Amino acid sequence: MLAALGLAYACLWWSFQRFYGEFGVSPQDVGLAPSGSASDLAGSALQLGVWLMIVIAALAFLPVAAVIAVDVAVAASSGSERRALVAVAAAVLLLGLTAFLYWWLVDGWPGLVLLAAAAIVFGVLHAIGRLVRMVPADGAGSLAAAMKAVPVTAPGLAITVALACAIVGITFMDLPTDAAEAGRCAATELPPKGVPALNLPFPGLHLPILSVHAQPATLTWLNGSPPATLSLKNVVYLGQANGSVVVYDRTSHTASRIPAGDVAVVIDAAASTCHGVH
């Protein structure tokens, strides 16, 4: 659980940076910090940590189960043909389900490429292990003897590779990429679209895992005159920190920090959300 929370925290912070980097600001500029509040970082890390444990377990279990099914099919091939066929069918079904989950949860083709790379790594390591065990050991201190002494099985190797693949896919590819795409959408899409938060990718389940905000808004100036270069009706509200409102001008493609007492922000509640924002 602690490892999952640590990964979740690192993943969240990088995702915050990817999102707000699309607007030329940092997470600290909008009130987020590495030590963040319970609602912004620690609470989200807890939510994402639980989510990571579930998803990583599923993404790691399915390919390992497929490897076990292949082993059963090979073992049964010299005996019960029916049992071997059932095991092969189970392996194909499990691999297909694994591919679907990687496609769905790890951004389509990149997820499938990652899964294919993991399969190649597993195949190469498994083949090397089999070859090494066929080489006669020249003594207790030889490399072959040392490797033969390590009880590495196909399912054991599959667990290691599958866990590494799932962790890379979810923490380093999926959420940071989704965050960057959502930020880019809010900064550039026409008509303007918003990002109220990034939630778990399940229909009807609105549990936020990344508390980012980028909402189309208009500004009403309260004190003095607004800067001539700032568009009041084509901005994205990003947040508030240190007594300043942070907005992104979609016309000039620049971020501005405005004293909170000088401006009123009106969020466009009718704006649609960016594609992929669940």
C-alpha atoms as a PDB file:
ATOM      1  CA  MET A   1       0.000   0.000   0.000  1.00  0.00           C
ATOM      2  CA  LEU A   2       2.838   2.407   0.854  1.00  0.00           C
ATOM      3  CA  ALA A   3       4.525   1.667  -2.482  1.00  0.00           C
ATOM      4  CA  ALA A   4       1.268   2.361  -4.322  1.00  0.00           C
ATOM      5  CA  LEU A   5       0.809   5.650  -2.461  1.00  0.00           C
ATOM      6  CA  GLY A   6       4.377   6.671  -3.265  1.00  0.00           C
ATOM      7  CA  LEU A   7       3.860   5.923  -6.949  1.00  0.00           C
ATOM      8  CA  ALA A   8       0.518   7.720  -6.859  1.00  0.00           C
ATOM      9  CA  TYR A   9       2.061  10.829  -5.328  1.00  0.00           C
ATOM     10  CA  ALA A  10       4.875  10.968  -7.902  1.00  0.00           C
ATOM     11  CA  CYS A  11       2.434  10.294 -10.726  1.00  0.00           C
ATOM     12  CA  LEU A  12       0.065  13.009  -9.505  1.00  0.00           C
ATOM     13  CA  TRP A  13       2.756  15.643  -9.203  1.00  0.00           C
ATOM     14  CA  TRP A  14       4.137  14.933 -12.664  1.00  0.00           C
ATOM     15  CA  SER A  15       0.592  14.965 -14.066  1.00  0.00           C
ATOM     16  CA  PHE A  16      -0.074  18.357 -12.447  1.00  0.00           C
ATOM     17  CA  GLN A  17       3.073  19.690 -14.106  1.00  0.00           C
ATOM     18  CA  ARG A  18       2.096  18.257 -17.501  1.00  0.00           C
ATOM     19  CA  PHE A  19      -1.379  19.800 -17.262  1.00  0.00           C
ATOM     20  CA  TYR A  20      -0.447  23.310 -16.145  1.00  0.00           C
ATOM     21  CA  GLY A  21       2.619  23.353 -18.384  1.00  0.00           C
ATOM     22  CA  GLU A  22       0.220  23.637 -21.336  1.00  0.00           C
ATOM     23  CA  PHE A  23      -0.684  27.115 -20.011  1.00  0.00           C
ATOM     24  CA  GLY A  24       2.875  28.196 -19.248  1.00  0.00           C
ATOM     25  CA  VAL A  25       2.421  28.082 -15.474  1.00  0.00           C
ATOM     26  CA  SER A  26       3.475  25.712 -12.717  1.00  0.00           C
ATOM     27  CA  PRO A  27       1.234  23.929 -10.203  1.00  0.00           C
ATOM     28  CA  GLN A  28       2.602  26.246  -7.499  1.00  0.00           C
ATOM     29  CA  ASP A  29       1.286  29.264  -9.454  1.00  0.00           C
ATOM     30  CA  VAL A  30      -2.294  28.061  -8.946  1.00  0.00           C
ATOM     31  CA  GLY A  31      -1.913  27.109  -5.297  1.00  0.00           C
ATOM     32  CA  LEU A  32      -0.563  23.577  -5.486  1.00  0.00           C
ATOM     33  CA  ALA A  33       2.671  22.535  -3.825  1.00  0.00           C
ATOM     34  CA  PRO A  34       4.521  19.245  -3.336  1.00  0.00           C
ATOM     35  CA  SER A  35       3.269  19.221   0.247  1.00  0.00           C
ATOM     36  CA  GLY A  36      -0.265  20.090  -1.024  1.00  0.00           C
ATOM     37  CA  SER A  37      -3.462  20.133   0.926  1.00  0.00           C
ATOM     38  CA  ALA A  38      -5.426  17.008   1.797  1.00  0.00           C
ATOM     39  CA  SER A  39      -8.011  17.785  -0.842  1.00  0.00           C
ATOM     40  CA  ASP A  40      -5.535  18.528  -3.621  1.00  0.00           C
ATOM     41  CA  LEU A  41      -2.617  16.131  -3.300  1.00  0.00           C
ATOM     42  CA  ALA A  42      -2.655  13.818  -0.293  1.00  0.00           C
ATOM     43  CA  GLY A  43      -6.330  12.963  -0.653  1.00  0.00           C
ATOM     44  CA  SER A  44      -5.964  12.445  -4.389  1.00  0.00           C
ATOM     45  CA  ALA A  45      -2.861  10.327  -3.824  1.00  0.00           C
ATOM     46  CA  LEU A  46      -4.869   8.091  -1.503  1.00  0.00           C
ATOM     47  CA  GLN A  47      -7.636   7.736  -4.088  1.00  0.00           C
ATOM     48  CA  LEU A  48      -5.163   7.098  -6.878  1.00  0.00           C
ATOM     49  CA  GLY A  49      -3.147   4.719  -4.692  1.00  0.00           C
ATOM     50  CA  VAL A  50      -6.185   2.475  -4.230  1.00  0.00           C
ATOM     51  CA  TRP A  51      -6.998   2.795  -7.931  1.00  0.00           C
ATOM     52  CA  LEU A  52      -3.393   1.904  -8.823  1.00  0.00           C
ATOM     53  CA  MET A  53      -3.425  -1.194  -6.663  1.00  0.00           C
ATOM     54  CA  ILE A  54      -6.624  -2.454  -8.319  1.00  0.00           C
ATOM     55  CA  VAL A  55      -5.580  -1.668 -11.895  1.00  0.00           C
ATOM     56  CA  ILE A  56      -1.995  -2.877 -11.552  1.00  0.00           C
ATOM     57  CA  ALA A  57      -3.239  -6.101  -9.964  1.00  0.00           C
ATOM     58  CA  ALA A  58      -5.648  -6.661 -12.877  1.00  0.00           C
ATOM     59  CA  LEU A  59      -3.113  -5.764 -15.574  1.00  0.00           C
ATOM     60  CA  ALA A  60      -0.506  -8.026 -13.961  1.00  0.00           C
ATOM     61  CA  PHE A  61      -2.799 -10.956 -13.123  1.00  0.00           C
ATOM     62  CA  LEU A  62      -4.303 -11.459 -16.579  1.00  0.00           C
ATOM     63  CA  PRO A  63      -1.062 -11.999 -18.569  1.00  0.00           C
ATOM     64  CA  VAL A  64       0.342 -14.205 -15.779  1.00  0.00           C
ATOM     65  CA  ALA A  65      -2.816 -16.294 -15.892  1.00  0.00           C
ATOM     66  CA  ALA A  66      -2.361 -16.560 -19.668  1.00  0.00           C
ATOM     67  CA  VAL A  67       1.219 -17.819 -19.201  1.00  0.00           C
ATOM     68  CA  ILE A  68      -0.002 -20.405 -16.696  1.00  0.00           C
ATOM     69  CA  ALA A  69      -2.655 -21.505 -19.187  1.00  0.00           C
ATOM     70  CA  VAL A  70       0.011 -21.901 -21.872  1.00  0.00           C
ATOM     71  CA  ASP A  71       2.099 -24.017 -19.474  1.00  0.00           C
ATOM     72  CA  VAL A  72      -0.934 -26.183 -18.781  1.00  0.00           C
ATOM     73  CA  ALA A  73      -1.563 -26.556 -22.521  1.00  0.00           C
ATOM     74  CA  VAL A  74       2.048 -27.624 -23.152  1.00  0.00           C
ATOM     75  CA  ALA A  75       1.962 -30.096 -20.270  1.00  0.00           C
ATOM     76  CA  ALA A  76      -1.363 -31.533 -21.428  1.00  0.00           C
ATOM     77  CA  SER A  77      -0.428 -31.736 -25.114  1.00  0.00           C
ATOM     78  CA  SER A  78       1.117 -35.188 -24.652  1.00  0.00           C
ATOM     79  CA  GLY A  79      -1.876 -36.451 -22.745  1.00  0.00           C
ATOM     80  CA  SER A  80      -5.374 -35.030 -22.868  1.00  0.00           C
ATOM     81  CA  GLU A  81      -5.945 -33.189 -26.149  1.00  0.00           C
ATOM     82  CA  ARG A  82      -9.214 -31.755 -24.865  1.00  0.00           C
ATOM     83  CA  ARG A  83      -7.529 -30.297 -21.779  1.00  0.00           C
ATOM     84  CA  ALA A  84      -4.827 -28.774 -23.950  1.00  0.00           C
ATOM     85  CA  LEU A  85      -7.413 -27.132 -26.230  1.00  0.00           C
ATOM     86  CA  VAL A  86      -9.281 -25.709 -23.233  1.00  0.00           C
ATOM     87  CA  ALA A  87      -6.036 -24.297 -21.834  1.00  0.00           C
ATOM     88  CA  VAL A  88      -5.131 -22.735 -25.205  1.00  0.00           C
ATOM     89  CA  ALA A  89      -8.591 -21.170 -25.475  1.00  0.00           C
ATOM     90  CA  ALA A  90      -8.266 -19.794 -21.939  1.00  0.00           C
ATOM     91  CA  ALA A  91      -4.827 -18.339 -22.767  1.00  0.00           C
ATOM     92  CA  VAL A  92      -6.177 -16.639 -25.916  1.00  0.00           C
ATOM     93  CA  LEU A  93      -9.151 -15.238 -24.001  1.00  0.00           C
ATOM     94  CA  LEU A  94      -6.932 -13.907 -21.197  1.00  0.00           C
ATOM     95  CA  LEU A  95      -4.492 -12.327 -23.653  1.00  0.00           C
ATOM     96  CA  GLY A  96      -7.377 -10.714 -25.532  1.00  0.00           C
ATOM     97  CA  LEU A  97      -8.794  -9.302 -22.307  1.00  0.00           C
ATOM     98  CA  THR A  98      -5.342  -8.028 -21.347  1.00  0.00           C
ATOM     99  CA  ALA A  99      -4.968  -6.294 -24.713  1.00  0.00           C
ATOM    100  CA  PHE A 100      -8.405  -4.704 -24.339  1.00  0.00           C
ATOM    101  CA  LEU A 101      -7.571  -3.345 -20.870  1.00  0.00           C
ATOM    102  CA  TYR A 102      -4.266  -1.906 -22.074  1.00  0.00           C
ATOM    103  CA  TRP A 103      -6.039  -0.328 -25.041  1.00  0.00           C
ATOM    104  CA  TRP A 104      -8.697   1.173 -22.752  1.00  0.00           C
ATOM    105  CA  LEU A 105      -6.585   2.188 -19.763  1.00  0.00           C
ATOM    106  CA  VAL A 106      -3.223   3.040 -21.346  1.00  0.00           C
ATOM    107  CA  ASP A 107      -4.200   5.290 -24.250  1.00  0.00           C
ATOM    108  CA  GLY A 108      -4.910   2.943 -27.126  1.00  0.00           C
ATOM    109  CA  TRP A 109      -1.992   2.039 -29.370  1.00  0.00           C
ATOM    110  CA  PRO A 110       0.745   3.124 -26.912  1.00  0.00           C
ATOM    111  CA  GLY A 111      -0.724   0.667 -24.420  1.00  0.00           C
ATOM    112  CA  LEU A 112      -0.666  -2.164 -26.961  1.00  0.00           C
ATOM    113  CA  VAL A 113       2.911  -1.295 -27.956  1.00  0.00           C
ATOM    114  CA  LEU A 114       3.917  -1.372 -24.295  1.00  0.00           C
ATOM    115  CA  LEU A 115       2.213  -4.742 -23.851  1.00  0.00           C
ATOM    116  CA  ALA A 116       3.943  -6.112 -26.957  1.00  0.00           C
ATOM    117  CA  ALA A 117       7.311  -4.866 -25.672  1.00  0.00           C
ATOM    118  CA  ALA A 118       6.665  -6.596 -22.344  1.00  0.00           C
ATOM    119  CA  ALA A 119       5.818  -9.828 -24.169  1.00  0.00           C
ATOM    120  CA  ILE A 120       9.075  -9.594 -26.141  1.00  0.00           C
ATOM    121  CA  VAL A 121      11.073  -8.950 -22.959  1.00  0.00           C
ATOM    122  CA  PHE A 122       9.403 -11.927 -21.289  1.00  0.00           C
ATOM    123  CA  GLY A 123      10.069 -14.148 -24.285  1.00  0.00           C
ATOM    124  CA  VAL A 124      13.734 -13.150 -24.521  1.00  0.00           C
ATOM    125  CA  LEU A 125      14.386 -13.559 -20.796  1.00  0.00           C
ATOM    126  CA  HIS A 126      12.540 -16.870 -20.706  1.00  0.00           C
ATOM    127  CA  ALA A 127      14.529 -18.166 -23.697  1.00  0.00           C
ATOM    128  CA  ILE A 128      17.827 -17.026 -22.152  1.00  0.00           C
ATOM    129  CA  GLY A 129      16.923 -18.772 -18.903  1.00  0.00           C
ATOM    130  CA  ARG A 130      16.166 -22.031 -20.733  1.00  0.00           C
ATOM    131  CA  LEU A 131      19.394 -21.843 -22.720  1.00  0.00           C
ATOM    132  CA  VAL A 132      21.490 -21.149 -19.631  1.00  0.00           C
ATOM    133  CA  ARG A 133      20.009 -24.146 -17.871  1.00  0.00           C
ATOM    134  CA  MET A 134      21.035 -26.301 -20.796  1.00  0.00           C
ATOM    135  CA  VAL A 135      24.679 -25.242 -20.495  1.00  0.00           C
ATOM    136  CA  PRO A 136      26.755 -27.564 -18.288  1.00  0.00           C
ATOM    137  CA  ALA A 137      27.963 -25.873 -15.101  1.00  0.00           C
ATOM    138  CA  ASP A 138      31.807 -25.800 -14.807  1.00  0.00           C
ATOM    139  CA  GLY A 139      31.838 -25.580 -11.054  1.00  0.00           C
ATOM    140  CA  ALA A 140      29.950 -24.183  -8.142  1.00  0.00           C
ATOM    141  CA  GLY A 141      31.212 -20.666  -8.853  1.00  0.00           C
ATOM    142  CA  SER A 142      30.291 -20.458 -12.535  1.00  0.00           C
ATOM    143  CA  LEU A 143      27.609 -18.132 -13.893  1.00  0.00           C
ATOM    144  CA  ALA A 144      25.600 -21.063 -15.219  1.00  0.00           C
ATOM    145  CA  ALA A 145      25.648 -22.723 -11.807  1.00  0.00           C
ATOM    146  CA  ALA A 146      24.564 -19.506 -10.139  1.00  0.00           C
ATOM    147  CA  MET A 147      21.668 -19.031 -12.552  1.00  0.00           C
ATOM    148  CA  LYS A 148      20.613 -22.656 -12.222  1.00  0.00           C
ATOM    149  CA  ALA A 149      20.441 -22.192  -8.478  1.00  0.00           C
ATOM    150  CA  VAL A 150      17.810 -19.431  -8.923  1.00  0.00           C
ATOM    151  CA  PRO A 151      14.360 -21.040  -9.199  1.00  0.00           C
ATOM    152  CA  VAL A 152      12.943 -18.807 -11.937  1.00  0.00           C
ATOM    153  CA  THR A 153       9.764 -20.217 -13.434  1.00  0.00           C
ATOM    154  CA  ALA A 154       7.760 -18.903 -16.380  1.00  0.00           C
ATOM    155  CA  PRO A 155       4.903 -17.666 -14.109  1.00  0.00           C
ATOM    156  CA  GLY A 156       7.425 -16.064 -11.732  1.00  0.00           C
ATOM    157  CA  LEU A 157       9.154 -14.232 -14.565  1.00  0.00           C
ATOM    158  CA  ALA A 158       5.762 -13.267 -15.997  1.00  0.00           C
ATOM    159  CA  ILE A 159       4.737 -11.700 -12.675  1.00  0.00           C
ATOM    160  CA  THR A 160       7.878  -9.533 -12.601  1.00  0.00           C
ATOM    161  CA  VAL A 161       7.537  -8.369 -16.214  1.00  0.00           C
ATOM    162  CA  ALA A 162       3.767  -7.849 -15.979  1.00  0.00           C
ATOM    163  CA  LEU A 163       4.044  -5.771 -12.797  1.00  0.00           C
ATOM    164  CA  ALA A 164       6.755  -3.576 -14.344  1.00  0.00           C
ATOM    165  CA  CYS A 165       4.665  -3.155 -17.508  1.00  0.00           C
ATOM    166  CA  ALA A 166       1.507  -2.248 -15.570  1.00  0.00           C
ATOM    167  CA  ILE A 167       3.339   0.274 -13.388  1.00  0.00           C
ATOM    168  CA  VAL A 168       4.977   1.959 -16.382  1.00  0.00           C
ATOM    169  CA  GLY A 169       1.718   2.021 -18.317  1.00  0.00           C
ATOM    170  CA  ILE A 170      -0.444   3.536 -15.601  1.00  0.00           C
ATOM    171  CA  THR A 171       1.935   5.849 -13.731  1.00  0.00           C
ATOM    172  CA  PHE A 172       4.250   7.045 -16.509  1.00  0.00           C
ATOM    173  CA  MET A 173       2.065   6.919 -19.605  1.00  0.00           C
ATOM    174  CA  ASP A 174      -1.664   7.057 -18.912  1.00  0.00           C
ATOM    175  CA  LEU A 175      -2.444   9.766 -16.369  1.00  0.00           C
ATOM    176  CA  PRO A 176       0.372  12.227 -17.285  1.00  0.00           C
ATOM    177  CA  THR A 177      -0.554  11.918 -20.973  1.00  0.00           C
ATOM    178  CA  ASP A 178      -4.256  12.396 -20.224  1.00  0.00           C
ATOM    179  CA  ALA A 179      -3.390  15.468 -18.152  1.00  0.00           C
ATOM    180  CA  ALA A 180      -1.322  17.019 -20.936  1.00  0.00           C
ATOM    181  CA  GLU A 181      -4.031  16.335 -23.538  1.00  0.00           C
ATOM    182  CA  ALA A 182      -6.725  17.833 -21.312  1.00  0.00           C
ATOM    183  CA  GLY A 183      -4.637  20.947 -20.702  1.00  0.00           C
ATOM    184  CA  ARG A 184      -3.933  21.330 -24.417  1.00  0.00           C
ATOM    185  CA  CYS A 185      -7.640  21.008 -25.168  1.00  0.00           C
ATOM    186  CA  ALA A 186      -8.616  23.699 -22.663  1.00  0.00           C
ATOM    187  CA  ALA A 187      -5.917  26.024 -23.998  1.00  0.00           C
ATOM    188  CA  THR A 188      -6.587  25.649 -27.720  1.00  0.00           C
ATOM    189  CA  GLU A 189      -9.914  23.960 -28.584  1.00  0.00           C
ATOM    190  CA  LEU A 190     -12.671  25.932 -30.332  1.00  0.00           C
ATOM    191  CA  PRO A 191     -15.265  26.509 -29.111  1.00  0.00           C
ATOM    192  CA  PRO A 192     -13.668  26.819 -25.655  1.00  0.00           C
ATOM    193  CA  LYS A 193     -13.956  23.725 -23.506  1.00  0.00           C
ATOM    194  CA  GLY A 194     -13.290  23.174 -19.827  1.00  0.00           C
ATOM    195  CA  VAL A 195     -11.619  20.678 -17.530  1.00  0.00           C
ATOM    196  CA  PRO A 196     -13.330  20.601 -14.120  1.00  0.00           C
ATOM    197  CA  ALA A 197     -11.288  17.547 -13.030  1.00  0.00           C
ATOM    198  CA  LEU A 198      -9.965  14.243 -14.304  1.00  0.00           C
ATOM    199  CA  ASN A 199     -11.989  11.322 -12.984  1.00  0.00           C
ATOM    200  CA  LEU A 200     -11.721   7.549 -13.093  1.00  0.00           C
ATOM    201  CA  PRO A 201     -12.427   6.309 -16.648  1.00  0.00           C
ATOM    202  CA  PHE A 202     -15.616   4.456 -15.752  1.00  0.00           C
ATOM    203  CA  PRO A 203     -19.026   5.608 -17.022  1.00  0.00           C
ATOM    204  CA  GLY A 204     -21.161   6.984 -14.229  1.00  0.00           C
ATOM    205  CA  LEU A 205     -18.352   6.898 -11.650  1.00  0.00           C
ATOM    206  CA  HIS A 206     -17.193  10.466 -10.983  1.00  0.00           C
ATOM    207  CA  LEU A 207     -14.333   9.910  -8.558  1.00  0.00           C
ATOM    208  CA  PRO A 208     -11.650  12.571  -9.194  1.00  0.00           C
ATOM    209  CA  ILE A 209      -8.073  11.321  -9.394  1.00  0.00           C
ATOM    210  CA  LEU A 210      -6.512  14.580 -10.593  1.00  0.00           C
ATOM    211  CA  SER A 211      -7.853  17.831  -9.168  1.00  0.00           C
ATOM    212  CA  VAL A 212      -6.918  20.117 -12.055  1.00  0.00           C
ATOM    213  CA  HIS A 213      -9.057  23.046 -13.128  1.00  0.00           C
ATOM    214  CA  ALA A 214      -9.206  24.957 -16.401  1.00  0.00           C
ATOM    215  CA  GLN A 215     -12.555  26.615 -17.026  1.00  0.00           C
ATOM    216  CA  PRO A 216     -13.577  29.050 -19.792  1.00  0.00           C
ATOM    217  CA  ALA A 217     -14.454  32.362 -18.141  1.00  0.00           C
ATOM    218  CA  THR A 218     -15.006  36.053 -18.600  1.00  0.00           C
ATOM    219  CA  LEU A 219     -13.492  38.796 -16.470  1.00  0.00           C
ATOM    220  CA  THR A 220     -15.145  41.864 -14.992  1.00  0.00           C
ATOM    221  CA  TRP A 221     -12.671  44.545 -13.964  1.00  0.00           C
ATOM    222  CA  LEU A 222     -13.408  46.092 -10.551  1.00  0.00           C
ATOM    223  CA  ASN A 223     -10.557  48.524  -9.937  1.00  0.00           C
ATOM    224  CA  GLY A 224      -8.815  50.675 -12.511  1.00  0.00           C
ATOM    225  CA  SER A 225      -8.479  49.716 -16.152  1.00  0.00           C
ATOM    226  CA  PRO A 226      -7.594  46.259 -17.451  1.00  0.00           C
ATOM    227  CA  PRO A 227      -4.382  45.765 -19.425  1.00  0.00           C
ATOM    228  CA  ALA A 228      -4.905  46.484 -23.096  1.00  0.00           C
ATOM    229  CA  THR A 229      -3.309  43.169 -24.051  1.00  0.00           C
ATOM    230  CA  LEU A 230      -5.649  41.063 -21.927  1.00  0.00           C
ATOM    231  CA  SER A 231      -8.817  39.649 -23.454  1.00  0.00           C
ATOM    232  CA  LEU A 232     -11.664  39.790 -20.923  1.00  0.00           C
ATOM    233  CA  LYS A 233     -13.967  37.376 -22.732  1.00  0.00           C
ATOM    234  CA  ASN A 234     -11.610  34.687 -23.964  1.00  0.00           C
ATOM    235  CA  VAL A 235      -9.714  33.477 -20.932  1.00  0.00           C
ATOM    236  CA  VAL A 236      -9.313  30.240 -19.027  1.00  0.00           C
ATOM    237  CA  TYR A 237      -9.524  30.423 -15.250  1.00  0.00           C
ATOM    238  CA  LEU A 238      -6.783  28.267 -13.710  1.00  0.00           C
ATOM    239  CA  GLY A 239      -6.949  29.055 -10.010  1.00  0.00           C
ATOM    240  CA  GLN A 240      -5.917  31.455  -7.298  1.00  0.00           C
ATOM    241  CA  ALA A 241      -2.808  31.678  -5.120  1.00  0.00           C
ATOM    242  CA  ASN A 242      -0.995  34.263  -3.014  1.00  0.00           C
ATOM    243  CA  GLY A 243      -3.754  36.833  -3.492  1.00  0.00           C
ATOM    244  CA  SER A 244      -3.683  36.581  -7.302  1.00  0.00           C
ATOM    245  CA  VAL A 245      -6.098  35.140  -9.816  1.00  0.00           C
ATOM    246  CA  VAL A 246      -4.354  33.128 -12.523  1.00  0.00           C
ATOM    247  CA  VAL A 247      -5.898  33.142 -16.004  1.00  0.00           C
ATOM    248  CA  TYR A 248      -4.743  32.076 -19.436  1.00  0.00           C
ATOM    249  CA  ASP A 249      -5.508  34.384 -22.367  1.00  0.00           C
ATOM    250  CA  ARG A 250      -6.462  32.182 -25.296  1.00  0.00           C
ATOM    251  CA  THR A 251      -5.979  35.104 -27.713  1.00  0.00           C
ATOM    252  CA  SER A 252      -2.406  36.031 -26.818  1.00  0.00           C
ATOM    253  CA  HIS A 253      -1.534  32.554 -25.475  1.00  0.00           C
ATOM    254  CA  THR A 254      -0.095  33.968 -22.277  1.00  0.00           C
ATOM    255  CA  ALA A 255      -0.857  33.529 -18.591  1.00  0.00           C
ATOM    256  CA  SER A 256      -1.596  36.486 -16.317  1.00  0.00           C
ATOM    257  CA  ARG A 257      -1.628  36.934 -12.567  1.00  0.00           C
ATOM    258  CA  ILE A 258      -4.162  39.536 -11.487  1.00  0.00           C
ATOM    259  CA  PRO A 259      -4.697  40.835  -7.928  1.00  0.00           C
ATOM    260  CA  ALA A 260      -7.838  39.104  -6.670  1.00  0.00           C
ATOM    261  CA  GLY A 261      -9.386  42.406  -5.577  1.00  0.00           C
ATOM    262  CA  ASP A 262      -9.154  43.866  -9.082  1.00  0.00           C
ATOM    263  CA  VAL A 263     -11.239  41.367 -10.981  1.00  0.00           C
ATOM    264  CA  ALA A 264     -14.345  39.170 -10.778  1.00  0.00           C
ATOM    265  CA  VAL A 265     -14.255  35.844 -12.582  1.00  0.00           C
ATOM    266  CA  VAL A 266     -17.428  34.434 -14.116  1.00  0.00           C
ATOM    267  CA  ILE A 267     -17.103  30.765 -15.094  1.00  0.00           C
ATOM    268  CA  ASP A 268     -18.912  29.707 -18.256  1.00  0.00           C
ATOM    269  CA  ALA A 269     -21.107  26.962 -16.797  1.00  0.00           C
ATOM    270  CA  ALA A 270     -22.519  26.128 -20.222  1.00  0.00           C
ATOM    271  CA  ALA A 271     -19.123  25.244 -21.732  1.00  0.00           C
ATOM    272  CA  SER A 272     -18.695  21.624 -22.705  1.00  0.00           C
ATOM    273  CA  THR A 273     -15.873  19.531 -21.289  1.00  0.00           C
ATOM    274  CA  CYS A 274     -12.846  18.358 -23.212  1.00  0.00           C
ATOM    275  CA  HIS A 275     -12.927  14.968 -24.873  1.00  0.00           C
ATOM    276  CA  GLY A 276     -11.545  12.291 -22.581  1.00  0.00           C
ATOM    277  CA  VAL A 277     -12.394  14.205 -19.398  1.00  0.00           C
ATOM    278  CA  HIS A 278     -14.537  11.646 -17.600  1.00  0.00           C
END
